Protein backbone atom coordinates (compact mmCIF):
# COMPACT_ATOMS: atom_id res chain seq x y z
CA UNK A 1 -6.44 1.38 -15.01
CA UNK A 2 -5.60 3.41 -17.97
CA UNK A 3 -3.20 1.68 -20.30
CA UNK A 4 -0.64 4.25 -20.12
CA UNK A 5 -0.53 3.91 -16.16
CA UNK A 6 0.07 0.01 -16.70
CA UNK A 7 2.95 0.57 -19.08
CA UNK A 8 4.35 3.21 -16.62
CA UNK A 9 4.19 0.78 -13.64
CA UNK A 10 5.80 -2.03 -15.78
CA UNK A 11 8.61 0.27 -16.59
CA UNK A 12 9.13 1.47 -13.12
CA UNK A 13 9.25 -2.03 -11.56
CA UNK A 14 10.67 -3.89 -14.59
CA UNK A 15 13.31 -6.36 -13.42
CA UNK A 16 12.91 -5.47 -9.72
CA UNK A 17 12.31 -8.66 -7.91
CA UNK A 18 13.17 -7.53 -4.32
CA UNK A 19 9.63 -7.61 -2.85
CA UNK A 20 8.58 -10.73 -4.68
CA UNK A 21 11.80 -12.53 -3.95
CA UNK A 22 11.44 -11.76 -0.25
CA UNK A 23 7.78 -12.96 -0.10
CA UNK A 24 8.64 -16.25 -1.99
CA UNK A 25 6.77 -15.19 -5.21
CA UNK A 26 7.94 -15.66 -8.62
CA UNK A 27 6.53 -12.48 -10.13
CA UNK A 28 5.31 -9.05 -9.04
CA UNK A 29 1.95 -9.93 -10.16
CA UNK A 30 1.96 -12.96 -7.91
CA UNK A 31 3.32 -10.72 -5.09
CA UNK A 32 0.52 -8.00 -5.65
CA UNK A 33 -2.22 -10.62 -5.52
CA UNK A 34 -3.74 -10.29 -2.09
CA UNK A 35 -1.22 -7.70 -0.99
CA UNK A 36 -2.56 -4.96 1.43
CA UNK A 37 -0.34 -2.25 2.98
CA UNK A 38 -0.81 0.60 5.40
CA UNK A 39 1.54 3.47 5.10
CA UNK A 40 2.12 5.85 8.00
CA UNK A 41 4.07 8.99 7.29
CA UNK A 42 5.00 11.38 10.10
CA UNK A 43 5.77 14.87 9.39
CA UNK A 44 5.93 17.80 11.77
CA UNK A 45 2.39 18.84 11.24
CA UNK A 46 0.41 15.54 11.14
CA UNK A 47 0.63 11.81 10.46
CA UNK A 48 -0.69 10.70 7.09
CA UNK A 49 -2.31 7.30 6.82
CA UNK A 50 -2.92 5.71 3.49
CA UNK A 51 -3.75 2.14 2.35
CA UNK A 52 -2.72 0.33 -0.85
CA UNK A 53 -3.92 -2.96 -2.25
CA UNK A 54 -2.91 -5.33 -4.81
CA UNK A 55 -4.47 -5.71 -8.31
CA UNK A 56 -3.77 -9.29 -9.37
CA UNK A 57 -5.12 -8.87 -12.90
CA UNK A 58 -2.82 -6.04 -13.67
CA UNK A 59 0.06 -7.01 -11.36
CA UNK A 60 0.17 -3.67 -9.52
CA UNK A 61 -0.31 -2.27 -6.00
CA UNK A 62 -2.15 1.02 -5.98
CA UNK A 63 -3.29 3.53 -3.29
CA UNK A 64 -6.90 3.61 -2.39
CA UNK A 65 -8.74 7.01 -2.22
CA UNK A 66 -9.00 7.40 1.56
CA UNK A 67 -6.20 9.24 3.31
CA UNK A 68 -6.47 10.24 6.87
CA UNK A 69 -4.48 13.09 8.69
CA UNK A 70 -3.98 12.60 12.33
CA UNK A 71 -2.50 14.91 14.96
CA UNK A 72 1.43 14.55 15.03
CA UNK A 73 1.23 13.40 18.71
CA UNK A 74 -1.06 10.56 18.01
CA UNK A 75 0.17 7.68 20.35
CA UNK A 76 1.91 4.63 18.69
CA UNK A 77 -0.78 2.23 20.10
CA UNK A 78 -3.40 4.24 18.36
CA UNK A 79 -1.55 4.42 15.00
CA UNK A 80 -1.08 0.42 15.36
CA UNK A 81 -4.86 0.16 15.87
CA UNK A 82 -5.46 2.30 12.83
CA UNK A 83 -2.97 0.37 10.72
CA UNK A 84 -4.57 -3.02 11.63
CA UNK A 85 -8.06 -1.55 10.63
CA UNK A 86 -6.63 -0.40 7.31
CA UNK A 87 -4.87 -3.57 6.60
CA UNK A 88 -7.93 -5.56 7.52
CA UNK A 89 -10.27 -3.34 5.58
CA UNK A 90 -12.33 -2.44 8.61
CA UNK A 91 -13.75 1.00 9.82
CA UNK A 92 -14.42 2.36 6.35
CA UNK A 93 -11.03 1.46 4.92
């Protein structure tokens, strides 16, 4: 990660302990260690699926390159299956 990006992340989250506190962590870096998130965004034309993972060394969470667009009427049970795959790092995630 570029040094400028690290500084930008540090400024953006400086002093915000909401997520680490909720997770029982002392720092954002401790929270980021091992964190994996699946983000589902539904817009009128599609559902965007993204995955983010923690970088313990730099204390940040960043998005991975893969993003999938699914039909807007994708059933919730299918979205749940895809989210589980993304969180567990299966099926190419």
